[in-house]
Amino acid sequence: MTSIDKYSLVSFAPSVLIVATCVVLTVVGVRFLRKNIAKDAAAAGEASNG
């Protein structure tokens, strides 16, 4: 069975942290864009109606 010792963790932990940060930032960015696109579409629909 493979075990992670302290020296392996020193290089493994930052890599996992970077990947997790990228995933979180992607999710936050997609939600932000969806919200703003919906807001802009509502404003455009309101402007074209009257």
N, C-alpha and C. Protein backbone atom coordinates (compact mmCIF):
# COMPACT_ATOMS: atom_id res chain seq x y z
N MET A 1 0.85 -1.18 0.00
CA MET A 1 0.00 0.00 0.00
C MET A 1 0.89 1.24 0.00
N THR A 2 0.54 2.19 -0.84
CA THR A 2 1.36 3.40 -0.92
C THR A 2 0.92 4.39 0.15
N SER A 3 1.88 4.99 0.77
CA SER A 3 1.58 6.01 1.77
C SER A 3 2.26 7.30 1.37
N ILE A 4 1.68 8.40 1.78
CA ILE A 4 2.24 9.70 1.47
C ILE A 4 3.03 10.16 2.68
N ASP A 5 4.32 10.32 2.49
CA ASP A 5 5.13 10.82 3.59
C ASP A 5 5.21 12.34 3.52
N LYS A 6 5.87 12.92 4.48
CA LYS A 6 5.93 14.37 4.59
C LYS A 6 6.56 15.00 3.35
N TYR A 7 7.58 14.39 2.80
CA TYR A 7 8.29 14.97 1.66
C TYR A 7 7.48 14.88 0.37
N SER A 8 6.68 13.85 0.24
CA SER A 8 5.80 13.77 -0.92
C SER A 8 4.67 14.79 -0.80
N LEU A 9 4.19 14.99 0.40
CA LEU A 9 3.10 15.93 0.63
C LEU A 9 3.51 17.36 0.34
N VAL A 10 4.79 17.67 0.54
CA VAL A 10 5.28 19.03 0.31
C VAL A 10 5.10 19.43 -1.15
N SER A 11 5.27 18.52 -2.08
CA SER A 11 5.08 18.86 -3.48
C SER A 11 3.66 18.54 -3.97
N PHE A 12 2.98 17.64 -3.31
CA PHE A 12 1.64 17.24 -3.74
C PHE A 12 0.58 18.25 -3.30
N ALA A 13 0.67 18.76 -2.09
CA ALA A 13 -0.34 19.66 -1.54
C ALA A 13 -0.49 20.95 -2.36
N PRO A 14 0.59 21.63 -2.74
CA PRO A 14 0.41 22.84 -3.55
C PRO A 14 -0.22 22.56 -4.91
N SER A 15 0.09 21.41 -5.49
CA SER A 15 -0.51 21.07 -6.78
C SER A 15 -2.02 20.88 -6.65
N VAL A 16 -2.43 20.19 -5.60
CA VAL A 16 -3.86 19.99 -5.37
C VAL A 16 -4.54 21.32 -5.08
N LEU A 17 -3.87 22.17 -4.33
CA LEU A 17 -4.43 23.48 -4.01
C LEU A 17 -4.61 24.33 -5.27
N ILE A 18 -3.65 24.28 -6.17
CA ILE A 18 -3.76 25.04 -7.42
C ILE A 18 -4.91 24.52 -8.27
N VAL A 19 -5.04 23.21 -8.39
CA VAL A 19 -6.12 22.63 -9.19
C VAL A 19 -7.48 22.98 -8.57
N ALA A 20 -7.59 22.87 -7.25
CA ALA A 20 -8.86 23.20 -6.58
C ALA A 20 -9.20 24.67 -6.76
N THR A 21 -8.21 25.54 -6.68
CA THR A 21 -8.45 26.97 -6.88
C THR A 21 -8.93 27.25 -8.30
N CYS A 22 -8.34 26.59 -9.27
CA CYS A 22 -8.77 26.77 -10.66
C CYS A 22 -10.22 26.34 -10.86
N VAL A 23 -10.58 25.22 -10.26
CA VAL A 23 -11.96 24.74 -10.38
C VAL A 23 -12.93 25.71 -9.73
N VAL A 24 -12.60 26.18 -8.53
CA VAL A 24 -13.48 27.11 -7.82
C VAL A 24 -13.61 28.41 -8.60
N LEU A 25 -12.52 28.95 -9.10
CA LEU A 25 -12.59 30.20 -9.86
C LEU A 25 -13.39 30.03 -11.15
N THR A 26 -13.30 28.88 -11.78
CA THR A 26 -14.09 28.63 -12.98
C THR A 26 -15.57 28.61 -12.67
N VAL A 27 -15.95 27.93 -11.59
CA VAL A 27 -17.36 27.87 -11.19
C VAL A 27 -17.88 29.26 -10.84
N VAL A 28 -17.11 30.02 -10.09
CA VAL A 28 -17.53 31.38 -9.71
C VAL A 28 -17.65 32.26 -10.95
N GLY A 29 -16.70 32.14 -11.87
CA GLY A 29 -16.74 32.93 -13.09
C GLY A 29 -17.94 32.60 -13.97
N VAL A 30 -18.26 31.33 -14.10
CA VAL A 30 -19.41 30.93 -14.91
C VAL A 30 -20.70 31.47 -14.30
N ARG A 31 -20.84 31.35 -12.98
CA ARG A 31 -22.04 31.90 -12.32
C ARG A 31 -22.14 33.40 -12.50
N PHE A 32 -21.01 34.10 -12.36
CA PHE A 32 -20.99 35.55 -12.53
C PHE A 32 -21.41 35.94 -13.94
N LEU A 33 -20.87 35.24 -14.95
CA LEU A 33 -21.23 35.55 -16.33
C LEU A 33 -22.69 35.26 -16.62
N ARG A 34 -23.20 34.14 -16.12
CA ARG A 34 -24.61 33.82 -16.34
C ARG A 34 -25.52 34.88 -15.74
N LYS A 35 -25.20 35.33 -14.54
CA LYS A 35 -26.02 36.35 -13.87
C LYS A 35 -25.99 37.65 -14.66
N ASN A 36 -24.82 38.05 -15.12
CA ASN A 36 -24.72 39.30 -15.87
C ASN A 36 -25.34 39.20 -17.26
N ILE A 37 -25.24 38.06 -17.90
CA ILE A 37 -25.88 37.88 -19.20
C ILE A 37 -27.40 37.96 -19.06
N ALA A 38 -27.93 37.34 -18.00
CA ALA A 38 -29.37 37.41 -17.77
C ALA A 38 -29.82 38.83 -17.48
N LYS A 39 -29.01 39.56 -16.70
CA LYS A 39 -29.34 40.95 -16.39
C LYS A 39 -29.33 41.81 -17.66
N ASP A 40 -28.32 41.61 -18.52
CA ASP A 40 -28.24 42.37 -19.75
C ASP A 40 -29.39 42.01 -20.71
N ALA A 41 -29.76 40.75 -20.75
CA ALA A 41 -30.86 40.33 -21.62
C ALA A 41 -32.18 40.94 -21.13
N ALA A 42 -32.37 41.00 -19.82
CA ALA A 42 -33.58 41.61 -19.29
C ALA A 42 -33.61 43.10 -19.59
N ALA A 43 -32.47 43.75 -19.47
CA ALA A 43 -32.40 45.19 -19.77
C ALA A 43 -32.64 45.44 -21.26
N ALA A 44 -32.11 44.57 -22.11
CA ALA A 44 -32.30 44.73 -23.55
C ALA A 44 -33.75 44.48 -23.93
N GLY A 45 -34.37 43.50 -23.29
CA GLY A 45 -35.79 43.24 -23.55
C GLY A 45 -36.67 44.38 -23.09
N GLU A 46 -36.32 44.98 -21.97
CA GLU A 46 -37.07 46.11 -21.45
C GLU A 46 -36.90 47.31 -22.38
N ALA A 47 -35.71 47.54 -22.87
CA ALA A 47 -35.44 48.69 -23.75
C ALA A 47 -36.15 48.53 -25.10
N SER A 48 -36.25 47.30 -25.58
CA SER A 48 -36.89 47.12 -26.89
C SER A 48 -38.41 47.15 -26.80
N ASN A 49 -38.95 46.94 -25.61
CA ASN A 49 -40.40 46.96 -25.44
C ASN A 49 -40.95 48.35 -25.17
N GLY A 50 -40.11 49.23 -24.80
CA GLY A 50 -40.75 50.48 -24.55
C GLY A 50 -39.90 51.55 -24.09
